């Protein structure tokens, strides 16, 4: 996948997706426009993450509302060397600053993942 790639999923029914798994000594910025249902406002999110040996970190910047039963849901899980980000959405458009191999995979979040309810 080339750098600065745009990826898109358009589904009438929202599902859980592994938005990205950042690991293997890489830092990446992901710009996302996410919508849960077609009658809800899109949410713009920037994820800045690093997955490096003993140096995993995640910053999240949200523009929009993710509170409420019909709105977008976001989760993450971080360990010592990687970060996973999931979203519950129907329409997904993302731009990656660097190539990643594990992006936009239909997948339920890990049971010990943490809700994202605002900026981190």
Foldseek 3Di string as FASTA:
>chain_A
DAFFDKDKAAAQAWAKWFAAKAFDFDWKKKWKWFWAHPPDHTKIKIWTWGFAAQDTDIWMAIDDAQDDDRGKWKWWDDDRGMIIIMIGGRIMMMTMRGDGDGHGHRDDDDPPIGTDGHTD
